[in-house]
Amino acid sequence: MRIIDTGITKEILTGDNHPQLKIGDKLYTVDDRQSTFEKIQEVQENASLKEDEKTNKIFELALGEESAKEVQKMDLPVSNFIYLTYCILGAITGEDPKELQKAAKERKN
């Protein structure tokens, strides 16, 4: 199991089963199946959805509806929320969330 600590350290912790996100003191299992990744890609490419709708749907697909609602109710600071989206994608793809965030910033420039 891979555990990504979304706290201040922003480090990836490794384990042996499915990836998990550590937010505060709680672990959230991430659905890293290929079918979930394909659905997330469809959501990202859907031009009819607003950005917040895309984010909400991605959270639901990756974390499950109940966990996604729980995380969204935390009302995280914007920078932490943005980083969390990279943590979710990193947990699914096996990539470092910091590298994903860096690549996204470079694409914008």
PDB file of N, CA and C in Angstrom:
ATOM      1  N   MET A   1       0.845  -1.161   0.000  1.00  0.00           N
ATOM      2  CA  MET A   1       0.000   0.000   0.000  1.00  0.00           C
ATOM      3  C   MET A   1       0.894   1.227   0.000  1.00  0.00           C
ATOM      4  N   ARG A   2       0.572   2.182  -0.871  1.00  0.00           N
ATOM      5  CA  ARG A   2       1.265   3.468  -0.893  1.00  0.00           C
ATOM      6  C   ARG A   2       0.405   4.452  -0.141  1.00  0.00           C
ATOM      7  N   ILE A   3       1.008   5.194   0.754  1.00  0.00           N
ATOM      8  CA  ILE A   3       0.283   6.221   1.498  1.00  0.00           C
ATOM      9  C   ILE A   3       0.929   7.554   1.175  1.00  0.00           C
ATOM     10  N   ILE A   4       0.123   8.505   0.738  1.00  0.00           N
ATOM     11  CA  ILE A   4       0.626   9.847   0.466  1.00  0.00           C
ATOM     12  C   ILE A   4       0.158  10.740   1.590  1.00  0.00           C
ATOM     13  N   ASP A   5       1.104  11.296   2.325  1.00  0.00           N
ATOM     14  CA  ASP A   5       0.804  12.206   3.411  1.00  0.00           C
ATOM     15  C   ASP A   5       0.598  13.592   2.810  1.00  0.00           C
ATOM     16  N   THR A   6      -0.620  14.103   2.885  1.00  0.00           N
ATOM     17  CA  THR A   6      -0.927  15.404   2.291  1.00  0.00           C
ATOM     18  C   THR A   6      -0.637  16.544   3.254  1.00  0.00           C
ATOM     19  N   GLY A   7      -0.015  16.245   4.366  1.00  0.00           N
ATOM     20  CA  GLY A   7       0.303  17.259   5.365  1.00  0.00           C
ATOM     21  C   GLY A   7       1.477  18.128   4.946  1.00  0.00           C
ATOM     22  N   ILE A   8       2.043  18.802   5.887  1.00  0.00           N
ATOM     23  CA  ILE A   8       3.106  19.765   5.637  1.00  0.00           C
ATOM     24  C   ILE A   8       4.304  19.130   4.948  1.00  0.00           C
ATOM     25  N   THR A   9       4.635  17.886   5.298  1.00  0.00           N
ATOM     26  CA  THR A   9       5.821  17.252   4.734  1.00  0.00           C
ATOM     27  C   THR A   9       5.646  16.923   3.255  1.00  0.00           C
ATOM     28  N   LYS A  10       4.434  16.686   2.831  1.00  0.00           N
ATOM     29  CA  LYS A  10       4.111  16.371   1.438  1.00  0.00           C
ATOM     30  C   LYS A  10       5.007  15.255   0.893  1.00  0.00           C
ATOM     31  N   GLU A  11       5.180  14.219   1.685  1.00  0.00           N
ATOM     32  CA  GLU A  11       6.006  13.088   1.295  1.00  0.00           C
ATOM     33  C   GLU A  11       5.118  11.897   0.952  1.00  0.00           C
ATOM     34  N   ILE A  12       5.610  11.045   0.059  1.00  0.00           N
ATOM     35  CA  ILE A  12       4.914   9.814  -0.276  1.00  0.00           C
ATOM     36  C   ILE A  12       5.428   8.727   0.651  1.00  0.00           C
ATOM     37  N   LEU A  13       4.530   8.073   1.336  1.00  0.00           N
ATOM     38  CA  LEU A  13       4.872   6.947   2.184  1.00  0.00           C
ATOM     39  C   LEU A  13       4.491   5.682   1.434  1.00  0.00           C
ATOM     40  N   THR A  14       5.285   4.643   1.540  1.00  0.00           N
ATOM     41  CA  THR A  14       4.987   3.437   0.780  1.00  0.00           C
ATOM     42  C   THR A  14       4.513   2.323   1.676  1.00  0.00           C
ATOM     43  N   GLY A  15       3.702   1.463   1.116  1.00  0.00           N
ATOM     44  CA  GLY A  15       3.180   0.295   1.784  1.00  0.00           C
ATOM     45  C   GLY A  15       3.061  -0.824   0.775  1.00  0.00           C
ATOM     46  N   ASP A  16       2.037  -1.702   0.879  1.00  0.00           N
ATOM     47  CA  ASP A  16       2.018  -2.866  -0.001  1.00  0.00           C
ATOM     48  C   ASP A  16       0.709  -3.206  -0.691  1.00  0.00           C
ATOM     49  N   ASN A  17      -0.362  -2.454  -0.543  1.00  0.00           N
ATOM     50  CA  ASN A  17      -1.607  -2.817  -1.215  1.00  0.00           C
ATOM     51  C   ASN A  17      -2.086  -1.712  -2.151  1.00  0.00           C
ATOM     52  N   HIS A  18      -3.130  -1.007  -1.756  1.00  0.00           N
ATOM     53  CA  HIS A  18      -3.666   0.096  -2.563  1.00  0.00           C
ATOM     54  C   HIS A  18      -3.165   1.421  -2.015  1.00  0.00           C
ATOM     55  N   PRO A  19      -3.047   2.419  -2.889  1.00  0.00           N
ATOM     56  CA  PRO A  19      -2.591   3.722  -2.405  1.00  0.00           C
ATOM     57  C   PRO A  19      -3.626   4.334  -1.464  1.00  0.00           C
ATOM     58  N   GLN A  20      -3.136   5.104  -0.525  1.00  0.00           N
ATOM     59  CA  GLN A  20      -4.002   5.808   0.407  1.00  0.00           C
ATOM     60  C   GLN A  20      -3.499   7.226   0.577  1.00  0.00           C
ATOM     61  N   LEU A  21      -4.421   8.125   0.846  1.00  0.00           N
ATOM     62  CA  LEU A  21      -4.074   9.507   1.168  1.00  0.00           C
ATOM     63  C   LEU A  21      -4.249   9.695   2.656  1.00  0.00           C
ATOM     64  N   LYS A  22      -3.280  10.291   3.280  1.00  0.00           N
ATOM     65  CA  LYS A  22      -3.391  10.626   4.696  1.00  0.00           C
ATOM     66  C   LYS A  22      -3.713  12.107   4.793  1.00  0.00           C
ATOM     67  N   ILE A  23      -4.905  12.387   5.260  1.00  0.00           N
ATOM     68  CA  ILE A  23      -5.347  13.765   5.428  1.00  0.00           C
ATOM     69  C   ILE A  23      -5.667  13.927   6.906  1.00  0.00           C
ATOM     70  N   GLY A  24      -4.888  14.742   7.568  1.00  0.00           N
ATOM     71  CA  GLY A  24      -5.013  14.836   9.020  1.00  0.00           C
ATOM     72  C   GLY A  24      -4.601  13.502   9.623  1.00  0.00           C
ATOM     73  N   ASP A  25      -5.458  12.941  10.437  1.00  0.00           N
ATOM     74  CA  ASP A  25      -5.168  11.654  11.073  1.00  0.00           C
ATOM     75  C   ASP A  25      -5.864  10.487  10.394  1.00  0.00           C
ATOM     76  N   LYS A  26      -6.542  10.729   9.288  1.00  0.00           N
ATOM     77  CA  LYS A  26      -7.335   9.685   8.646  1.00  0.00           C
ATOM     78  C   LYS A  26      -6.735   9.273   7.310  1.00  0.00           C
ATOM     79  N   LEU A  27      -6.851   7.986   6.990  1.00  0.00           N
ATOM     80  CA  LEU A  27      -6.397   7.458   5.704  1.00  0.00           C
ATOM     81  C   LEU A  27      -7.595   7.245   4.788  1.00  0.00           C
ATOM     82  N   TYR A  28      -7.444   7.655   3.535  1.00  0.00           N
ATOM     83  CA  TYR A  28      -8.479   7.477   2.520  1.00  0.00           C
ATOM     84  C   TYR A  28      -7.907   6.606   1.406  1.00  0.00           C
ATOM     85  N   THR A  29      -8.534   5.470   1.150  1.00  0.00           N
ATOM     86  CA  THR A  29      -8.086   4.572   0.091  1.00  0.00           C
ATOM     87  C   THR A  29      -8.450   5.164  -1.260  1.00  0.00           C
ATOM     88  N   VAL A  30      -7.497   5.093  -2.183  1.00  0.00           N
ATOM     89  CA  VAL A  30      -7.688   5.633  -3.530  1.00  0.00           C
ATOM     90  C   VAL A  30      -7.903   4.472  -4.499  1.00  0.00           C
ATOM     91  N   ASP A  31      -8.933   4.584  -5.308  1.00  0.00           N
ATOM     92  CA  ASP A  31      -9.226   3.580  -6.332  1.00  0.00           C
ATOM     93  C   ASP A  31      -8.270   3.811  -7.502  1.00  0.00           C
ATOM     94  N   ASP A  32      -7.274   2.961  -7.618  1.00  0.00           N
ATOM     95  CA  ASP A  32      -6.245   3.141  -8.654  1.00  0.00           C
ATOM     96  C   ASP A  32      -6.410   2.179  -9.824  1.00  0.00           C
ATOM     97  N   ARG A  33      -7.633   1.687 -10.025  1.00  0.00           N
ATOM     98  CA  ARG A  33      -7.874   0.775 -11.154  1.00  0.00           C
ATOM     99  C   ARG A  33      -7.838   1.535 -12.480  1.00  0.00           C
ATOM    100  N   GLN A  34      -7.501   0.835 -13.521  1.00  0.00           N
ATOM    101  CA  GLN A  34      -7.442   1.407 -14.866  1.00  0.00           C
ATOM    102  C   GLN A  34      -8.789   2.010 -15.257  1.00  0.00           C
ATOM    103  N   SER A  35      -9.877   1.320 -14.929  1.00  0.00           N
ATOM    104  CA  SER A  35     -11.206   1.816 -15.297  1.00  0.00           C
ATOM    105  C   SER A  35     -11.504   3.159 -14.625  1.00  0.00           C
ATOM    106  N   THR A  36     -11.054   3.326 -13.398  1.00  0.00           N
ATOM    107  CA  THR A  36     -11.245   4.605 -12.696  1.00  0.00           C
ATOM    108  C   THR A  36     -10.419   5.694 -13.362  1.00  0.00           C
ATOM    109  N   PHE A  37      -9.183   5.380 -13.700  1.00  0.00           N
ATOM    110  CA  PHE A  37      -8.316   6.344 -14.372  1.00  0.00           C
ATOM    111  C   PHE A  37      -8.933   6.799 -15.696  1.00  0.00           C
ATOM    112  N   GLU A  38      -9.496   5.855 -16.453  1.00  0.00           N
ATOM    113  CA  GLU A  38     -10.134   6.208 -17.728  1.00  0.00           C
ATOM    114  C   GLU A  38     -11.337   7.123 -17.516  1.00  0.00           C
ATOM    115  N   LYS A  39     -12.120   6.861 -16.471  1.00  0.00           N
ATOM    116  CA  LYS A  39     -13.273   7.728 -16.168  1.00  0.00           C
ATOM    117  C   LYS A  39     -12.805   9.127 -15.773  1.00  0.00           C
ATOM    118  N   ILE A  40     -11.719   9.191 -15.013  1.00  0.00           N
ATOM    119  CA  ILE A  40     -11.175  10.494 -14.614  1.00  0.00           C
ATOM    120  C   ILE A  40     -10.699  11.268 -15.837  1.00  0.00           C
ATOM    121  N   GLN A  41     -10.066  10.581 -16.772  1.00  0.00           N
ATOM    122  CA  GLN A  41      -9.634  11.249 -18.001  1.00  0.00           C
ATOM    123  C   GLN A  41     -10.829  11.796 -18.772  1.00  0.00           C
ATOM    124  N   GLU A  42     -11.927  11.048 -18.823  1.00  0.00           N
ATOM    125  CA  GLU A  42     -13.141  11.508 -19.494  1.00  0.00           C
ATOM    126  C   GLU A  42     -13.679  12.772 -18.825  1.00  0.00           C
ATOM    127  N   VAL A  43     -13.677  12.783 -17.500  1.00  0.00           N
ATOM    128  CA  VAL A  43     -14.144  13.957 -16.754  1.00  0.00           C
ATOM    129  C   VAL A  43     -13.263  15.162 -17.076  1.00  0.00           C
ATOM    130  N   GLN A  44     -11.948  14.968 -17.074  1.00  0.00           N
ATOM    131  CA  GLN A  44     -11.019  16.070 -17.344  1.00  0.00           C
ATOM    132  C   GLN A  44     -11.205  16.637 -18.743  1.00  0.00           C
ATOM    133  N   GLU A  45     -11.595  15.815 -19.700  1.00  0.00           N
ATOM    134  CA  GLU A  45     -11.760  16.253 -21.087  1.00  0.00           C
ATOM    135  C   GLU A  45     -13.154  16.793 -21.382  1.00  0.00           C
ATOM    136  N   ASN A  46     -14.080  16.687 -20.428  1.00  0.00           N
ATOM    137  CA  ASN A  46     -15.457  17.113 -20.629  1.00  0.00           C
ATOM    138  C   ASN A  46     -15.558  18.635 -20.529  1.00  0.00           C
ATOM    139  N   ALA A  47     -15.665  19.279 -21.666  1.00  0.00           N
ATOM    140  CA  ALA A  47     -15.694  20.746 -21.726  1.00  0.00           C
ATOM    141  C   ALA A  47     -16.989  21.331 -21.169  1.00  0.00           C
ATOM    142  N   SER A  48     -18.038  20.517 -21.036  1.00  0.00           N
ATOM    143  CA  SER A  48     -19.310  21.035 -20.533  1.00  0.00           C
ATOM    144  C   SER A  48     -19.335  21.169 -19.010  1.00  0.00           C
ATOM    145  N   LEU A  49     -18.352  20.586 -18.327  1.00  0.00           N
ATOM    146  CA  LEU A  49     -18.294  20.677 -16.869  1.00  0.00           C
ATOM    147  C   LEU A  49     -17.440  21.855 -16.425  1.00  0.00           C
ATOM    148  N   LYS A  50     -17.873  22.535 -15.367  1.00  0.00           N
ATOM    149  CA  LYS A  50     -17.072  23.595 -14.761  1.00  0.00           C
ATOM    150  C   LYS A  50     -15.924  22.928 -13.995  1.00  0.00           C
ATOM    151  N   GLU A  51     -14.885  23.701 -13.687  1.00  0.00           N
ATOM    152  CA  GLU A  51     -13.708  23.148 -13.004  1.00  0.00           C
ATOM    153  C   GLU A  51     -14.057  22.528 -11.654  1.00  0.00           C
ATOM    154  N   ASP A  52     -14.930  23.187 -10.881  1.00  0.00           N
ATOM    155  CA  ASP A  52     -15.294  22.627  -9.577  1.00  0.00           C
ATOM    156  C   ASP A  52     -16.097  21.341  -9.724  1.00  0.00           C
ATOM    157  N   GLU A  53     -16.899  21.242 -10.783  1.00  0.00           N
ATOM    158  CA  GLU A  53     -17.648  20.014 -11.044  1.00  0.00           C
ATOM    159  C   GLU A  53     -16.692  18.873 -11.413  1.00  0.00           C
ATOM    160  N   LYS A  54     -15.681  19.198 -12.207  1.00  0.00           N
ATOM    161  CA  LYS A  54     -14.678  18.196 -12.569  1.00  0.00           C
ATOM    162  C   LYS A  54     -13.955  17.685 -11.331  1.00  0.00           C
ATOM    163  N   THR A  55     -13.535  18.622 -10.478  1.00  0.00           N
ATOM    164  CA  THR A  55     -12.812  18.251  -9.259  1.00  0.00           C
ATOM    165  C   THR A  55     -13.675  17.375  -8.368  1.00  0.00           C
ATOM    166  N   ASN A  56     -14.925  17.761  -8.166  1.00  0.00           N
ATOM    167  CA  ASN A  56     -15.833  16.973  -7.330  1.00  0.00           C
ATOM    168  C   ASN A  56     -16.007  15.561  -7.879  1.00  0.00           C
ATOM    169  N   LYS A  57     -16.182  15.460  -9.185  1.00  0.00           N
ATOM    170  CA  LYS A  57     -16.380  14.144  -9.813  1.00  0.00           C
ATOM    171  C   LYS A  57     -15.113  13.296  -9.696  1.00  0.00           C
ATOM    172  N   ILE A  58     -13.954  13.899  -9.880  1.00  0.00           N
ATOM    173  CA  ILE A  58     -12.686  13.174  -9.755  1.00  0.00           C
ATOM    174  C   ILE A  58     -12.525  12.650  -8.332  1.00  0.00           C
ATOM    175  N   PHE A  59     -12.839  13.485  -7.344  1.00  0.00           N
ATOM    176  CA  PHE A  59     -12.755  13.052  -5.943  1.00  0.00           C
ATOM    177  C   PHE A  59     -13.687  11.865  -5.697  1.00  0.00           C
ATOM    178  N   GLU A  60     -14.917  11.939  -6.229  1.00  0.00           N
ATOM    179  CA  GLU A  60     -15.879  10.853  -6.051  1.00  0.00           C
ATOM    180  C   GLU A  60     -15.382   9.559  -6.688  1.00  0.00           C
ATOM    181  N   LEU A  61     -14.831   9.656  -7.885  1.00  0.00           N
ATOM    182  CA  LEU A  61     -14.324   8.464  -8.569  1.00  0.00           C
ATOM    183  C   LEU A  61     -13.139   7.857  -7.825  1.00  0.00           C
ATOM    184  N   ALA A  62     -12.243   8.701  -7.363  1.00  0.00           N
ATOM    185  CA  ALA A  62     -11.005   8.223  -6.750  1.00  0.00           C
ATOM    186  C   ALA A  62     -11.186   7.778  -5.298  1.00  0.00           C
ATOM    187  N   LEU A  63     -12.018   8.485  -4.547  1.00  0.00           N
ATOM    188  CA  LEU A  63     -12.138   8.221  -3.114  1.00  0.00           C
ATOM    189  C   LEU A  63     -13.437   7.543  -2.709  1.00  0.00           C
ATOM    190  N   GLY A  64     -14.409   7.554  -3.602  1.00  0.00           N
ATOM    191  CA  GLY A  64     -15.742   7.090  -3.252  1.00  0.00           C
ATOM    192  C   GLY A  64     -16.569   8.287  -2.822  1.00  0.00           C
ATOM    193  N   GLU A  65     -17.859   8.182  -3.005  1.00  0.00           N
ATOM    194  CA  GLU A  65     -18.746   9.327  -2.770  1.00  0.00           C
ATOM    195  C   GLU A  65     -18.694   9.813  -1.317  1.00  0.00           C
ATOM    196  N   GLU A  66     -18.776   8.905  -0.361  1.00  0.00           N
ATOM    197  CA  GLU A  66     -18.797   9.296   1.058  1.00  0.00           C
ATOM    198  C   GLU A  66     -17.491   9.967   1.475  1.00  0.00           C
ATOM    199  N   SER A  67     -16.366   9.385   1.101  1.00  0.00           N
ATOM    200  CA  SER A  67     -15.066   9.963   1.456  1.00  0.00           C
ATOM    201  C   SER A  67     -14.851  11.298   0.764  1.00  0.00           C
ATOM    202  N   ALA A  68     -15.279  11.407  -0.495  1.00  0.00           N
ATOM    203  CA  ALA A  68     -15.139  12.666  -1.228  1.00  0.00           C
ATOM    204  C   ALA A  68     -15.902  13.782  -0.529  1.00  0.00           C
ATOM    205  N   LYS A  69     -17.120  13.485  -0.080  1.00  0.00           N
ATOM    206  CA  LYS A  69     -17.912  14.496   0.636  1.00  0.00           C
ATOM    207  C   LYS A  69     -17.236  14.876   1.943  1.00  0.00           C
ATOM    208  N   GLU A  70     -16.692  13.887   2.628  1.00  0.00           N
ATOM    209  CA  GLU A  70     -16.005  14.141   3.897  1.00  0.00           C
ATOM    210  C   GLU A  70     -14.800  15.072   3.694  1.00  0.00           C
ATOM    211  N   VAL A  71     -14.029  14.807   2.660  1.00  0.00           N
ATOM    212  CA  VAL A  71     -12.852  15.625   2.367  1.00  0.00           C
ATOM    213  C   VAL A  71     -13.271  17.038   1.973  1.00  0.00           C
ATOM    214  N   GLN A  72     -14.294  17.144   1.147  1.00  0.00           N
ATOM    215  CA  GLN A  72     -14.740  18.464   0.707  1.00  0.00           C
ATOM    216  C   GLN A  72     -15.301  19.297   1.858  1.00  0.00           C
ATOM    217  N   LYS A  73     -15.882  18.654   2.871  1.00  0.00           N
ATOM    218  CA  LYS A  73     -16.404  19.372   4.032  1.00  0.00           C
ATOM    219  C   LYS A  73     -15.293  19.922   4.917  1.00  0.00           C
ATOM    220  N   MET A  74     -14.055  19.443   4.716  1.00  0.00           N
ATOM    221  CA  MET A  74     -12.928  19.923   5.519  1.00  0.00           C
ATOM    222  C   MET A  74     -12.617  21.386   5.217  1.00  0.00           C
ATOM    223  N   ASP A  75     -13.064  21.871   4.068  1.00  0.00           N
ATOM    224  CA  ASP A  75     -12.858  23.261   3.669  1.00  0.00           C
ATOM    225  C   ASP A  75     -11.379  23.651   3.801  1.00  0.00           C
ATOM    226  N   LEU A  76     -10.540  22.891   3.115  1.00  0.00           N
ATOM    227  CA  LEU A  76      -9.093  23.080   3.154  1.00  0.00           C
ATOM    228  C   LEU A  76      -8.689  24.419   2.546  1.00  0.00           C
ATOM    229  N   PRO A  77      -7.550  24.961   2.971  1.00  0.00           N
ATOM    230  CA  PRO A  77      -7.016  26.146   2.291  1.00  0.00           C
ATOM    231  C   PRO A  77      -6.788  25.819   0.806  1.00  0.00           C
ATOM    232  N   VAL A  78      -6.891  26.814  -0.030  1.00  0.00           N
ATOM    233  CA  VAL A  78      -6.808  26.613  -1.476  1.00  0.00           C
ATOM    234  C   VAL A  78      -5.532  25.873  -1.883  1.00  0.00           C
ATOM    235  N   SER A  79      -4.388  26.272  -1.353  1.00  0.00           N
ATOM    236  CA  SER A  79      -3.135  25.621  -1.754  1.00  0.00           C
ATOM    237  C   SER A  79      -3.123  24.145  -1.376  1.00  0.00           C
ATOM    238  N   ASN A  80      -3.676  23.797  -0.216  1.00  0.00           N
ATOM    239  CA  ASN A  80      -3.749  22.392   0.191  1.00  0.00           C
ATOM    240  C   ASN A  80      -4.728  21.619  -0.683  1.00  0.00           C
ATOM    241  N   PHE A  81      -5.844  22.255  -1.028  1.00  0.00           N
ATOM    242  CA  PHE A  81      -6.850  21.603  -1.870  1.00  0.00           C
ATOM    243  C   PHE A  81      -6.277  21.315  -3.254  1.00  0.00           C
ATOM    244  N   ILE A  82      -5.565  22.285  -3.806  1.00  0.00           N
ATOM    245  CA  ILE A  82      -4.944  22.087  -5.117  1.00  0.00           C
ATOM    246  C   ILE A  82      -3.926  20.958  -5.054  1.00  0.00           C
ATOM    247  N   TYR A  83      -3.098  20.974  -4.023  1.00  0.00           N
ATOM    248  CA  TYR A  83      -2.100  19.907  -3.873  1.00  0.00           C
ATOM    249  C   TYR A  83      -2.765  18.547  -3.700  1.00  0.00           C
ATOM    250  N   LEU A  84      -3.911  18.510  -3.012  1.00  0.00           N
ATOM    251  CA  LEU A  84      -4.644  17.259  -2.823  1.00  0.00           C
ATOM    252  C   LEU A  84      -5.045  16.646  -4.160  1.00  0.00           C
ATOM    253  N   THR A  85      -5.432  17.475  -5.120  1.00  0.00           N
ATOM    254  CA  THR A  85      -5.797  16.932  -6.430  1.00  0.00           C
ATOM    255  C   THR A  85      -4.598  16.247  -7.084  1.00  0.00           C
ATOM    256  N   TYR A  86      -3.415  16.812  -6.914  1.00  0.00           N
ATOM    257  CA  TYR A  86      -2.206  16.178  -7.455  1.00  0.00           C
ATOM    258  C   TYR A  86      -1.867  14.903  -6.683  1.00  0.00           C
ATOM    259  N   CYS A  87      -2.159  14.894  -5.391  1.00  0.00           N
ATOM    260  CA  CYS A  87      -1.934  13.688  -4.585  1.00  0.00           C
ATOM    261  C   CYS A  87      -2.837  12.554  -5.052  1.00  0.00           C
ATOM    262  N   ILE A  88      -4.077  12.883  -5.364  1.00  0.00           N
ATOM    263  CA  ILE A  88      -5.010  11.859  -5.847  1.00  0.00           C
ATOM    264  C   ILE A  88      -4.518  11.288  -7.173  1.00  0.00           C
ATOM    265  N   LEU A  89      -4.159  12.164  -8.107  1.00  0.00           N
ATOM    266  CA  LEU A  89      -3.670  11.687  -9.405  1.00  0.00           C
ATOM    267  C   LEU A  89      -2.359  10.920  -9.239  1.00  0.00           C
ATOM    268  N   GLY A  90      -1.501  11.376  -8.347  1.00  0.00           N
ATOM    269  CA  GLY A  90      -0.251  10.681  -8.091  1.00  0.00           C
ATOM    270  C   GLY A  90      -0.474   9.302  -7.501  1.00  0.00           C
ATOM    271  N   ALA A  91      -1.464   9.188  -6.623  1.00  0.00           N
ATOM    272  CA  ALA A  91      -1.786   7.893  -6.025  1.00  0.00           C
ATOM    273  C   ALA A  91      -2.281   6.914  -7.087  1.00  0.00           C
ATOM    274  N   ILE A  92      -3.013   7.415  -8.054  1.00  0.00           N
ATOM    275  CA  ILE A  92      -3.558   6.558  -9.108  1.00  0.00           C
ATOM    276  C   ILE A  92      -2.481   6.164 -10.114  1.00  0.00           C
ATOM    277  N   THR A  93      -1.657   7.116 -10.507  1.00  0.00           N
ATOM    278  CA  THR A  93      -0.673   6.846 -11.569  1.00  0.00           C
ATOM    279  C   THR A  93       0.669   6.350 -11.040  1.00  0.00           C
ATOM    280  N   GLY A  94       0.896   6.490  -9.737  1.00  0.00           N
ATOM    281  CA  GLY A  94       2.170   6.082  -9.166  1.00  0.00           C
ATOM    282  C   GLY A  94       3.248   7.145  -9.300  1.00  0.00           C
ATOM    283  N   GLU A  95       2.854   8.335  -9.719  1.00  0.00           N
ATOM    284  CA  GLU A  95       3.811   9.422  -9.888  1.00  0.00           C
ATOM    285  C   GLU A  95       3.860  10.289  -8.638  1.00  0.00           C
ATOM    286  N   ASP A  96       4.948  11.008  -8.485  1.00  0.00           N
ATOM    287  CA  ASP A  96       5.139  11.917  -7.367  1.00  0.00           C
ATOM    288  C   ASP A  96       4.230  13.133  -7.561  1.00  0.00           C
ATOM    289  N   PRO A  97       3.346  13.430  -6.592  1.00  0.00           N
ATOM    290  CA  PRO A  97       2.443  14.580  -6.728  1.00  0.00           C
ATOM    291  C   PRO A  97       3.180  15.897  -6.942  1.00  0.00           C
ATOM    292  N   LYS A  98       4.344  16.046  -6.327  1.00  0.00           N
ATOM    293  CA  LYS A  98       5.126  17.285  -6.504  1.00  0.00           C
ATOM    294  C   LYS A  98       5.572  17.441  -7.955  1.00  0.00           C
ATOM    295  N   GLU A  99       5.942  16.322  -8.571  1.00  0.00           N
ATOM    296  CA  GLU A  99       6.366  16.361  -9.978  1.00  0.00           C
ATOM    297  C   GLU A  99       5.178  16.646 -10.892  1.00  0.00           C
ATOM    298  N   LEU A 100       4.018  16.085 -10.580  1.00  0.00           N
ATOM    299  CA  LEU A 100       2.817  16.364 -11.368  1.00  0.00           C
ATOM    300  C   LEU A 100       2.454  17.844 -11.293  1.00  0.00           C
ATOM    301  N   GLN A 101       2.545  18.409 -10.090  1.00  0.00           N
ATOM    302  CA  GLN A 101       2.228  19.828  -9.906  1.00  0.00           C
ATOM    303  C   GLN A 101       3.228  20.700 -10.653  1.00  0.00           C
ATOM    304  N   LYS A 102       4.485  20.336 -10.584  1.00  0.00           N
ATOM    305  CA  LYS A 102       5.541  21.082 -11.276  1.00  0.00           C
ATOM    306  C   LYS A 102       5.300  21.051 -12.793  1.00  0.00           C
ATOM    307  N   ALA A 103       4.998  19.870 -13.329  1.00  0.00           N
ATOM    308  CA  ALA A 103       4.749  19.730 -14.776  1.00  0.00           C
ATOM    309  C   ALA A 103       3.537  20.553 -15.204  1.00  0.00           C
ATOM    310  N   ALA A 104       2.494  20.567 -14.380  1.00  0.00           N
ATOM    311  CA  ALA A 104       1.299  21.348 -14.711  1.00  0.00           C
ATOM    312  C   ALA A 104       1.619  22.844 -14.746  1.00  0.00           C
ATOM    313  N   LYS A 105       2.434  23.306 -13.806  1.00  0.00           N
ATOM    314  CA  LYS A 105       2.821  24.721 -13.792  1.00  0.00           C
ATOM    315  C   LYS A 105       3.637  25.067 -15.035  1.00  0.00           C
ATOM    316  N   GLU A 106       4.524  24.169 -15.443  1.00  0.00           N
ATOM    317  CA  GLU A 106       5.352  24.410 -16.621  1.00  0.00           C
ATOM    318  C   GLU A 106       4.496  24.447 -17.888  1.00  0.00           C
ATOM    319  N   ARG A 107       3.455  23.625 -17.956  1.00  0.00           N
ATOM    320  CA  ARG A 107       2.562  23.628 -19.127  1.00  0.00           C
ATOM    321  C   ARG A 107       1.787  24.925 -19.241  1.00  0.00           C
ATOM    322  N   LYS A 108       1.473  25.533 -18.093  1.00  0.00           N
ATOM    323  CA  LYS A 108       0.718  26.791 -18.097  1.00  0.00           C
ATOM    324  C   LYS A 108       1.548  27.961 -18.574  1.00  0.00           C
ATOM    325  N   ASN A 109       2.866  27.869 -18.379  1.00  0.00           N
ATOM    326  CA  ASN A 109       3.751  28.977 -18.750  1.00  0.00           C
ATOM    327  C   ASN A 109       4.163  28.931 -20.179  1.00  0.00           C
TER     328      ASN A 109
END
